[in-house]
N, C-alpha and C. Protein backbone atom coordinates (compact mmCIF):
# COMPACT_ATOMS: atom_id res chain seq x y z
N MET A 1 5.13 -22.58 -27.67
CA MET A 1 4.40 -23.23 -26.61
C MET A 1 3.64 -22.20 -25.77
N GLN A 2 4.23 -21.01 -25.62
CA GLN A 2 3.61 -19.99 -24.79
C GLN A 2 2.26 -19.55 -25.34
N GLU A 3 2.11 -19.54 -26.64
CA GLU A 3 0.86 -19.04 -27.23
C GLU A 3 -0.29 -20.02 -27.05
N HIS A 4 0.01 -21.28 -26.76
CA HIS A 4 -1.05 -22.28 -26.63
C HIS A 4 -1.46 -22.53 -25.18
N VAL A 5 -0.87 -21.82 -24.25
CA VAL A 5 -1.22 -22.01 -22.84
C VAL A 5 -2.65 -21.57 -22.59
N SER A 6 -3.05 -20.44 -23.16
CA SER A 6 -4.43 -19.96 -22.96
C SER A 6 -5.43 -20.92 -23.59
N ASP A 7 -5.05 -21.56 -24.70
CA ASP A 7 -5.92 -22.55 -25.31
C ASP A 7 -6.10 -23.76 -24.39
N ALA A 8 -5.04 -24.16 -23.71
CA ALA A 8 -5.13 -25.28 -22.79
C ALA A 8 -6.04 -24.95 -21.60
N TYR A 9 -5.91 -23.74 -21.08
CA TYR A 9 -6.79 -23.32 -19.98
C TYR A 9 -8.24 -23.27 -20.43
N ALA A 10 -8.48 -22.78 -21.62
CA ALA A 10 -9.85 -22.72 -22.14
C ALA A 10 -10.41 -24.13 -22.31
N PHE A 11 -9.59 -25.05 -22.82
CA PHE A 11 -10.05 -26.43 -22.98
C PHE A 11 -10.40 -27.05 -21.63
N LEU A 12 -9.54 -26.81 -20.62
CA LEU A 12 -9.82 -27.34 -19.28
C LEU A 12 -11.11 -26.76 -18.71
N ALA A 13 -11.32 -25.49 -18.88
CA ALA A 13 -12.50 -24.84 -18.30
C ALA A 13 -13.78 -25.26 -19.01
N VAL A 14 -13.71 -25.40 -20.33
CA VAL A 14 -14.93 -25.67 -21.10
C VAL A 14 -15.24 -27.16 -21.19
N MET A 15 -14.25 -27.99 -21.33
CA MET A 15 -14.50 -29.42 -21.57
C MET A 15 -14.27 -30.28 -20.33
N CYS A 16 -13.14 -30.12 -19.69
CA CYS A 16 -12.77 -31.04 -18.61
C CYS A 16 -13.49 -30.73 -17.30
N LEU A 17 -13.65 -29.49 -16.97
CA LEU A 17 -14.29 -29.14 -15.71
C LEU A 17 -15.75 -29.62 -15.64
N PRO A 18 -16.57 -29.42 -16.67
CA PRO A 18 -17.93 -29.97 -16.59
C PRO A 18 -17.96 -31.49 -16.48
N VAL A 19 -17.07 -32.18 -17.17
CA VAL A 19 -17.03 -33.64 -17.09
C VAL A 19 -16.62 -34.06 -15.68
N LEU A 20 -15.66 -33.39 -15.10
CA LEU A 20 -15.23 -33.69 -13.74
C LEU A 20 -16.36 -33.47 -12.74
N VAL A 21 -17.09 -32.39 -12.88
CA VAL A 21 -18.23 -32.12 -11.99
C VAL A 21 -19.29 -33.18 -12.16
N TRP A 22 -19.55 -33.61 -13.38
CA TRP A 22 -20.55 -34.64 -13.64
C TRP A 22 -20.15 -35.97 -12.99
N VAL A 23 -18.86 -36.32 -13.10
CA VAL A 23 -18.38 -37.58 -12.53
C VAL A 23 -18.47 -37.53 -11.00
N ILE A 24 -18.07 -36.42 -10.42
CA ILE A 24 -18.11 -36.31 -8.96
C ILE A 24 -19.53 -36.30 -8.44
N SER A 25 -20.47 -35.76 -9.20
CA SER A 25 -21.84 -35.64 -8.72
C SER A 25 -22.62 -36.96 -8.79
N ARG A 26 -22.08 -38.01 -9.38
CA ARG A 26 -22.75 -39.31 -9.42
C ARG A 26 -22.88 -39.85 -8.00
N PRO A 27 -24.00 -40.49 -7.66
CA PRO A 27 -24.25 -40.93 -6.27
C PRO A 27 -23.18 -41.80 -5.64
N PRO A 28 -22.59 -42.80 -6.30
CA PRO A 28 -21.60 -43.60 -5.58
C PRO A 28 -20.36 -42.80 -5.18
N LEU A 29 -19.88 -41.97 -6.06
CA LEU A 29 -18.68 -41.18 -5.75
C LEU A 29 -19.01 -40.03 -4.80
N TRP A 30 -20.16 -39.40 -4.98
CA TRP A 30 -20.54 -38.28 -4.12
C TRP A 30 -20.76 -38.73 -2.68
N SER A 31 -21.31 -39.91 -2.49
CA SER A 31 -21.53 -40.40 -1.13
C SER A 31 -20.20 -40.63 -0.40
N ARG A 32 -19.14 -40.94 -1.13
CA ARG A 32 -17.83 -41.13 -0.50
C ARG A 32 -17.11 -39.79 -0.27
N LEU A 33 -17.28 -38.86 -1.18
CA LEU A 33 -16.58 -37.57 -1.07
C LEU A 33 -17.31 -36.57 -0.18
N ARG A 34 -18.61 -36.71 0.00
CA ARG A 34 -19.41 -35.72 0.71
C ARG A 34 -18.93 -35.50 2.15
N PRO A 35 -18.66 -36.52 2.95
CA PRO A 35 -18.20 -36.26 4.33
C PRO A 35 -16.88 -35.48 4.40
N ARG A 36 -16.05 -35.62 3.40
CA ARG A 36 -14.77 -34.90 3.41
C ARG A 36 -14.89 -33.49 2.84
N LEU A 37 -15.75 -33.29 1.84
CA LEU A 37 -15.85 -32.00 1.19
C LEU A 37 -16.76 -31.01 1.92
N GLU A 38 -17.80 -31.49 2.59
CA GLU A 38 -18.75 -30.56 3.20
C GLU A 38 -18.12 -29.68 4.28
N PRO A 39 -17.31 -30.19 5.20
CA PRO A 39 -16.69 -29.29 6.19
C PRO A 39 -15.76 -28.25 5.55
N MET A 40 -15.02 -28.68 4.52
CA MET A 40 -14.13 -27.76 3.85
C MET A 40 -14.92 -26.68 3.12
N LEU A 41 -15.99 -27.07 2.43
CA LEU A 41 -16.80 -26.09 1.71
C LEU A 41 -17.54 -25.16 2.68
N ALA A 42 -17.98 -25.68 3.83
CA ALA A 42 -18.64 -24.83 4.82
C ALA A 42 -17.66 -23.79 5.38
N ARG A 43 -16.43 -24.22 5.66
CA ARG A 43 -15.42 -23.28 6.16
C ARG A 43 -15.09 -22.23 5.11
N LEU A 44 -14.97 -22.64 3.86
CA LEU A 44 -14.71 -21.70 2.78
C LEU A 44 -15.87 -20.73 2.63
N TRP A 45 -17.10 -21.22 2.73
CA TRP A 45 -18.29 -20.36 2.61
C TRP A 45 -18.32 -19.32 3.73
N GLU A 46 -17.97 -19.73 4.95
CA GLU A 46 -17.94 -18.80 6.07
C GLU A 46 -16.88 -17.72 5.87
N GLN A 47 -15.75 -18.09 5.32
CA GLN A 47 -14.70 -17.10 5.08
C GLN A 47 -15.10 -16.11 4.00
N ILE A 48 -15.84 -16.58 3.01
CA ILE A 48 -16.25 -15.70 1.93
C ILE A 48 -17.40 -14.80 2.35
N ILE A 49 -18.40 -15.36 3.01
CA ILE A 49 -19.63 -14.62 3.32
C ILE A 49 -19.49 -13.79 4.60
N GLU A 50 -18.91 -14.32 5.64
CA GLU A 50 -18.84 -13.62 6.92
C GLU A 50 -17.43 -13.08 7.13
N PRO A 51 -17.20 -11.82 6.77
CA PRO A 51 -15.85 -11.27 6.97
C PRO A 51 -15.56 -11.07 8.45
N GLN A 52 -14.33 -11.28 8.81
CA GLN A 52 -13.90 -11.08 10.19
C GLN A 52 -13.79 -9.58 10.45
N PRO A 53 -14.24 -9.12 11.61
CA PRO A 53 -14.09 -7.69 11.91
C PRO A 53 -12.61 -7.35 12.08
N PRO A 54 -12.18 -6.23 11.52
CA PRO A 54 -10.75 -5.88 11.62
C PRO A 54 -10.38 -5.50 13.05
N ASP A 55 -9.17 -5.77 13.39
CA ASP A 55 -8.65 -5.44 14.71
C ASP A 55 -8.43 -3.92 14.80
N PRO A 56 -8.98 -3.25 15.82
CA PRO A 56 -8.83 -1.79 15.91
C PRO A 56 -7.38 -1.34 16.02
N GLU A 57 -6.54 -2.13 16.67
CA GLU A 57 -5.13 -1.74 16.79
C GLU A 57 -4.42 -1.78 15.43
N ILE A 58 -4.78 -2.74 14.60
CA ILE A 58 -4.19 -2.81 13.26
C ILE A 58 -4.66 -1.61 12.44
N LEU A 59 -5.96 -1.29 12.55
CA LEU A 59 -6.47 -0.13 11.82
C LEU A 59 -5.80 1.15 12.30
N ARG A 60 -5.57 1.26 13.61
CA ARG A 60 -4.91 2.45 14.15
C ARG A 60 -3.48 2.54 13.61
N SER A 61 -2.78 1.40 13.58
CA SER A 61 -1.40 1.43 13.08
C SER A 61 -1.36 1.76 11.60
N TRP A 62 -2.32 1.25 10.83
CA TRP A 62 -2.37 1.61 9.40
C TRP A 62 -2.62 3.10 9.23
N ALA A 63 -3.53 3.65 10.03
CA ALA A 63 -3.82 5.09 9.94
C ALA A 63 -2.60 5.91 10.34
N ALA A 64 -1.87 5.46 11.36
CA ALA A 64 -0.67 6.18 11.79
C ALA A 64 0.42 6.12 10.72
N VAL A 65 0.59 4.96 10.12
CA VAL A 65 1.61 4.82 9.06
C VAL A 65 1.24 5.69 7.87
N ARG A 66 -0.04 5.70 7.49
CA ARG A 66 -0.47 6.53 6.36
C ARG A 66 -0.26 8.01 6.66
N LEU A 67 -0.56 8.43 7.89
CA LEU A 67 -0.35 9.82 8.27
C LEU A 67 1.12 10.20 8.18
N GLU A 68 1.99 9.34 8.66
CA GLU A 68 3.43 9.62 8.60
C GLU A 68 3.92 9.69 7.15
N GLN A 69 3.42 8.80 6.30
CA GLN A 69 3.81 8.85 4.89
C GLN A 69 3.34 10.14 4.24
N LEU A 70 2.10 10.53 4.52
CA LEU A 70 1.58 11.76 3.94
C LEU A 70 2.34 12.98 4.43
N LYS A 71 2.70 13.00 5.71
CA LYS A 71 3.49 14.12 6.24
C LYS A 71 4.85 14.18 5.57
N GLY A 72 5.45 13.03 5.32
CA GLY A 72 6.73 13.00 4.61
C GLY A 72 6.61 13.53 3.19
N HIS A 73 5.54 13.12 2.50
CA HIS A 73 5.32 13.62 1.14
C HIS A 73 5.07 15.12 1.16
N LEU A 74 4.30 15.59 2.15
CA LEU A 74 3.99 17.02 2.25
C LEU A 74 5.26 17.82 2.49
N GLU A 75 6.12 17.34 3.36
CA GLU A 75 7.38 18.05 3.62
C GLU A 75 8.26 18.08 2.37
N ARG A 76 8.28 16.98 1.64
CA ARG A 76 9.07 16.94 0.40
C ARG A 76 8.55 17.93 -0.62
N VAL A 77 7.22 18.04 -0.75
CA VAL A 77 6.64 18.97 -1.71
C VAL A 77 6.87 20.41 -1.25
N ARG A 78 6.82 20.65 0.06
CA ARG A 78 7.10 22.01 0.56
C ARG A 78 8.53 22.42 0.24
N ARG A 79 9.48 21.52 0.44
CA ARG A 79 10.87 21.84 0.09
C ARG A 79 11.01 22.08 -1.41
N LEU A 80 10.27 21.32 -2.19
CA LEU A 80 10.33 21.48 -3.64
C LEU A 80 9.75 22.82 -4.07
N ILE A 81 8.68 23.25 -3.42
CA ILE A 81 8.05 24.52 -3.78
C ILE A 81 8.98 25.70 -3.45
N LEU A 82 9.76 25.56 -2.38
CA LEU A 82 10.67 26.65 -2.00
C LEU A 82 11.71 26.94 -3.07
N ASP A 83 12.03 25.94 -3.87
CA ASP A 83 13.10 26.10 -4.86
C ASP A 83 12.63 25.65 -6.24
N ASP A 84 11.48 26.15 -6.69
CA ASP A 84 11.03 25.72 -8.01
C ASP A 84 10.90 26.87 -9.00
N GLU A 85 11.60 27.98 -8.74
CA GLU A 85 11.54 29.09 -9.69
C GLU A 85 12.14 28.71 -11.05
N TRP A 86 13.11 27.81 -11.04
CA TRP A 86 13.78 27.42 -12.27
C TRP A 86 12.96 26.43 -13.09
N MET A 87 11.88 25.89 -12.51
CA MET A 87 11.07 24.90 -13.22
C MET A 87 10.08 25.60 -14.14
N THR A 88 9.51 24.82 -15.03
CA THR A 88 8.49 25.36 -15.92
C THR A 88 7.24 25.71 -15.12
N ALA A 89 6.41 26.55 -15.72
CA ALA A 89 5.18 26.98 -15.04
C ALA A 89 4.26 25.78 -14.79
N THR A 90 4.27 24.84 -15.71
CA THR A 90 3.41 23.66 -15.54
C THR A 90 3.83 22.87 -14.31
N ARG A 91 5.12 22.69 -14.13
CA ARG A 91 5.61 21.96 -12.96
C ARG A 91 5.33 22.74 -11.68
N GLN A 92 5.45 24.06 -11.73
CA GLN A 92 5.16 24.86 -10.54
C GLN A 92 3.70 24.73 -10.14
N VAL A 93 2.81 24.78 -11.13
CA VAL A 93 1.38 24.63 -10.85
C VAL A 93 1.10 23.23 -10.31
N ALA A 94 1.74 22.22 -10.90
CA ALA A 94 1.54 20.85 -10.43
C ALA A 94 2.04 20.68 -9.00
N ASN A 95 3.16 21.32 -8.66
CA ASN A 95 3.67 21.26 -7.29
C ASN A 95 2.69 21.88 -6.31
N ARG A 96 2.11 23.02 -6.68
CA ARG A 96 1.15 23.68 -5.79
C ARG A 96 -0.15 22.89 -5.67
N MET A 97 -0.57 22.27 -6.76
CA MET A 97 -1.77 21.42 -6.69
C MET A 97 -1.50 20.20 -5.81
N ALA A 98 -0.32 19.61 -5.95
CA ALA A 98 0.03 18.47 -5.10
C ALA A 98 0.08 18.90 -3.64
N HIS A 99 0.58 20.10 -3.37
CA HIS A 99 0.61 20.61 -2.00
C HIS A 99 -0.79 20.75 -1.44
N GLU A 100 -1.71 21.30 -2.21
CA GLU A 100 -3.09 21.46 -1.74
C GLU A 100 -3.73 20.11 -1.45
N HIS A 101 -3.53 19.15 -2.34
CA HIS A 101 -4.11 17.82 -2.14
C HIS A 101 -3.50 17.14 -0.91
N LEU A 102 -2.18 17.28 -0.74
CA LEU A 102 -1.54 16.65 0.41
C LEU A 102 -1.98 17.28 1.73
N VAL A 103 -2.19 18.60 1.73
CA VAL A 103 -2.67 19.25 2.95
C VAL A 103 -4.05 18.68 3.31
N ARG A 104 -4.91 18.54 2.31
CA ARG A 104 -6.24 17.99 2.56
C ARG A 104 -6.14 16.53 3.02
N ASP A 105 -5.28 15.74 2.39
CA ASP A 105 -5.13 14.34 2.76
C ASP A 105 -4.57 14.19 4.18
N VAL A 106 -3.64 15.07 4.56
CA VAL A 106 -3.08 15.01 5.91
C VAL A 106 -4.17 15.34 6.93
N ARG A 107 -4.99 16.34 6.65
CA ARG A 107 -6.09 16.67 7.57
C ARG A 107 -7.04 15.49 7.72
N GLU A 108 -7.40 14.86 6.60
CA GLU A 108 -8.29 13.70 6.66
C GLU A 108 -7.66 12.54 7.41
N ALA A 109 -6.36 12.33 7.21
CA ALA A 109 -5.68 11.24 7.91
C ALA A 109 -5.59 11.54 9.41
N GLU A 110 -5.39 12.81 9.78
CA GLU A 110 -5.36 13.17 11.19
C GLU A 110 -6.73 12.94 11.83
N MET A 111 -7.80 13.29 11.10
CA MET A 111 -9.15 13.04 11.63
C MET A 111 -9.41 11.55 11.75
N ALA A 112 -8.95 10.77 10.79
CA ALA A 112 -9.15 9.31 10.84
C ALA A 112 -8.40 8.72 12.03
N LEU A 113 -7.20 9.20 12.30
CA LEU A 113 -6.43 8.71 13.43
C LEU A 113 -7.04 9.18 14.75
N ALA A 114 -7.58 10.40 14.76
CA ALA A 114 -8.22 10.91 15.98
C ALA A 114 -9.51 10.15 16.29
N ALA A 115 -10.13 9.54 15.29
CA ALA A 115 -11.36 8.79 15.51
C ALA A 115 -11.12 7.56 16.37
N PHE A 116 -9.88 7.08 16.44
CA PHE A 116 -9.56 5.92 17.26
C PHE A 116 -9.36 6.29 18.72
N GLY A 117 -9.39 7.57 19.03
CA GLY A 117 -9.20 8.00 20.41
C GLY A 117 -7.77 8.40 20.66
N PRO A 118 -7.51 8.88 21.86
CA PRO A 118 -6.15 9.33 22.16
C PRO A 118 -5.18 8.15 22.25
N LEU A 119 -3.97 8.42 21.82
CA LEU A 119 -2.92 7.41 21.88
C LEU A 119 -2.38 7.31 23.30
N GLU A 120 -2.12 6.11 23.74
CA GLU A 120 -1.49 5.93 25.03
C GLU A 120 -0.02 6.29 24.87
N PRO A 121 0.46 7.23 25.65
CA PRO A 121 1.85 7.64 25.47
C PRO A 121 2.80 6.53 25.90
N ALA A 122 3.75 6.26 25.06
CA ALA A 122 4.77 5.26 25.37
C ALA A 122 5.93 5.97 26.02
N VAL A 123 6.24 5.61 27.22
CA VAL A 123 7.31 6.26 27.96
C VAL A 123 8.59 5.47 27.71
N ALA A 124 9.51 6.10 27.02
CA ALA A 124 10.78 5.46 26.74
C ALA A 124 11.84 6.09 27.62
N VAL A 125 12.54 5.28 28.35
CA VAL A 125 13.58 5.77 29.24
C VAL A 125 14.88 5.77 28.45
N ALA A 126 15.49 6.94 28.35
CA ALA A 126 16.74 7.06 27.62
C ALA A 126 17.89 6.56 28.47
N ALA A 127 18.84 5.96 27.80
CA ALA A 127 20.03 5.47 28.50
C ALA A 127 20.90 6.66 28.91
N GLN A 128 21.57 6.52 30.03
CA GLN A 128 22.45 7.58 30.50
C GLN A 128 23.69 7.66 29.61
N THR A 129 23.98 8.86 29.14
CA THR A 129 25.18 9.06 28.32
C THR A 129 26.02 10.15 28.94
N SER A 130 27.28 10.08 28.69
CA SER A 130 28.16 11.12 29.22
C SER A 130 28.16 12.30 28.26
N LEU A 131 28.63 13.43 28.71
CA LEU A 131 28.68 14.62 27.87
C LEU A 131 29.67 14.45 26.73
N ALA A 132 30.70 13.66 26.93
CA ALA A 132 31.71 13.47 25.90
C ALA A 132 31.19 12.64 24.74
N ALA A 133 30.16 11.86 24.95
CA ALA A 133 29.66 10.99 23.88
C ALA A 133 29.05 11.79 22.74
N SER A 134 28.55 13.00 23.03
CA SER A 134 27.91 13.77 21.97
C SER A 134 28.91 14.26 20.94
N ARG A 135 30.21 14.37 21.32
CA ARG A 135 31.21 14.81 20.34
C ARG A 135 31.43 13.78 19.25
N PHE A 136 31.19 12.52 19.58
CA PHE A 136 31.46 11.46 18.62
C PHE A 136 30.23 11.08 17.81
N ALA A 137 29.10 11.70 18.09
CA ALA A 137 27.89 11.39 17.34
C ALA A 137 28.01 11.94 15.94
N TYR A 138 27.54 11.18 14.97
CA TYR A 138 27.61 11.60 13.57
C TYR A 138 26.39 12.44 13.24
N ASN A 139 26.63 13.62 12.74
CA ASN A 139 25.55 14.48 12.27
C ASN A 139 25.67 14.61 10.76
N ALA A 140 24.68 14.12 10.06
CA ALA A 140 24.71 14.17 8.61
C ALA A 140 24.53 15.61 8.16
N PRO A 141 25.26 16.04 7.12
CA PRO A 141 25.08 17.41 6.63
C PRO A 141 23.70 17.59 6.01
N ALA A 142 23.13 18.76 6.21
CA ALA A 142 21.82 19.05 5.62
C ALA A 142 22.02 19.33 4.14
N ALA A 143 21.55 18.43 3.31
CA ALA A 143 21.71 18.57 1.86
C ALA A 143 20.37 18.93 1.25
N ARG A 144 20.42 19.70 0.22
CA ARG A 144 19.20 20.05 -0.49
C ARG A 144 18.75 18.84 -1.30
N PRO A 145 17.45 18.68 -1.51
CA PRO A 145 16.99 17.54 -2.29
C PRO A 145 17.45 17.64 -3.74
N VAL A 146 17.79 16.50 -4.29
CA VAL A 146 18.25 16.44 -5.67
C VAL A 146 17.05 16.11 -6.55
N VAL A 147 16.83 16.92 -7.56
CA VAL A 147 15.71 16.71 -8.47
C VAL A 147 16.27 16.44 -9.85
N GLU A 148 15.88 15.32 -10.42
CA GLU A 148 16.32 14.97 -11.76
C GLU A 148 15.17 15.19 -12.71
N VAL A 149 15.40 15.98 -13.75
CA VAL A 149 14.37 16.29 -14.72
C VAL A 149 14.79 15.71 -16.06
N ILE A 150 13.94 14.86 -16.62
CA ILE A 150 14.20 14.27 -17.93
C ILE A 150 13.10 14.76 -18.86
N GLU A 151 13.50 15.41 -19.92
CA GLU A 151 12.51 15.95 -20.85
C GLU A 151 12.89 15.53 -22.27
N PHE A 152 11.88 15.49 -23.11
CA PHE A 152 12.11 15.24 -24.52
C PHE A 152 12.31 16.57 -25.23
N GLY A 153 13.25 16.60 -26.12
CA GLY A 153 13.49 17.80 -26.90
C GLY A 153 12.80 17.69 -28.24
N PRO A 154 13.07 18.61 -29.14
CA PRO A 154 12.45 18.54 -30.46
C PRO A 154 12.93 17.31 -31.22
N GLY A 155 12.01 16.67 -31.89
CA GLY A 155 12.34 15.49 -32.67
C GLY A 155 12.43 14.23 -31.83
N GLY A 156 12.03 14.28 -30.56
CA GLY A 156 12.04 13.11 -29.71
C GLY A 156 13.39 12.74 -29.16
N HIS A 157 14.39 13.62 -29.24
CA HIS A 157 15.72 13.35 -28.71
C HIS A 157 15.77 13.79 -27.27
N TRP A 158 16.63 13.11 -26.49
CA TRP A 158 16.80 13.49 -25.09
C TRP A 158 17.55 14.80 -25.03
N VAL A 159 17.14 15.65 -24.13
CA VAL A 159 17.80 16.95 -23.95
C VAL A 159 18.85 16.80 -22.89
C-alpha cells in the first residue's frame, strides 16, 4: 500500500484538482462561494506578499543566543586544542581550522549584537546569605572533556 501513495497523490493533482477548480469556477457555485473565499484569500495574499517586520527585541535575543552558542563552541575547541597531541595530524589541523572559523564567527556575532545598540543592564539583587551557607554549596569537580574517537581499521573492522 505504501508504494501506491505517491500514485494517489499524482492522480489527485492531475485529475481531481482541475475538475474541482472547474466545478467551483462555474457561475452559480462561484457566486455563493465568493463572499466567503475572497476575505480568506486576501488575508492569505497579504501574509505571503507583505512580510511583517521582525521585532528588534527578538532579533537581539537571537543574536545574543547565537553569540553565547558560538562562545561555548569556541571554548570547547580551545580545550580540545590544548590536549590534541595524541590525535592524528588531520584532526589537529581540523581543530585549528575550526578554531579560526569560530573566532571569525564570534567576532561577526559580536558586531551583529553591537549593531542593536548597548544592552540595558539588568540589575539583579542577590538574596542575603549567611557565611555558613557557602560550606554546603556543591562545587562540581573540574573534569577534562571526554573525547570518543571511532575509527575504521583495515578491512572495515572497528578498531
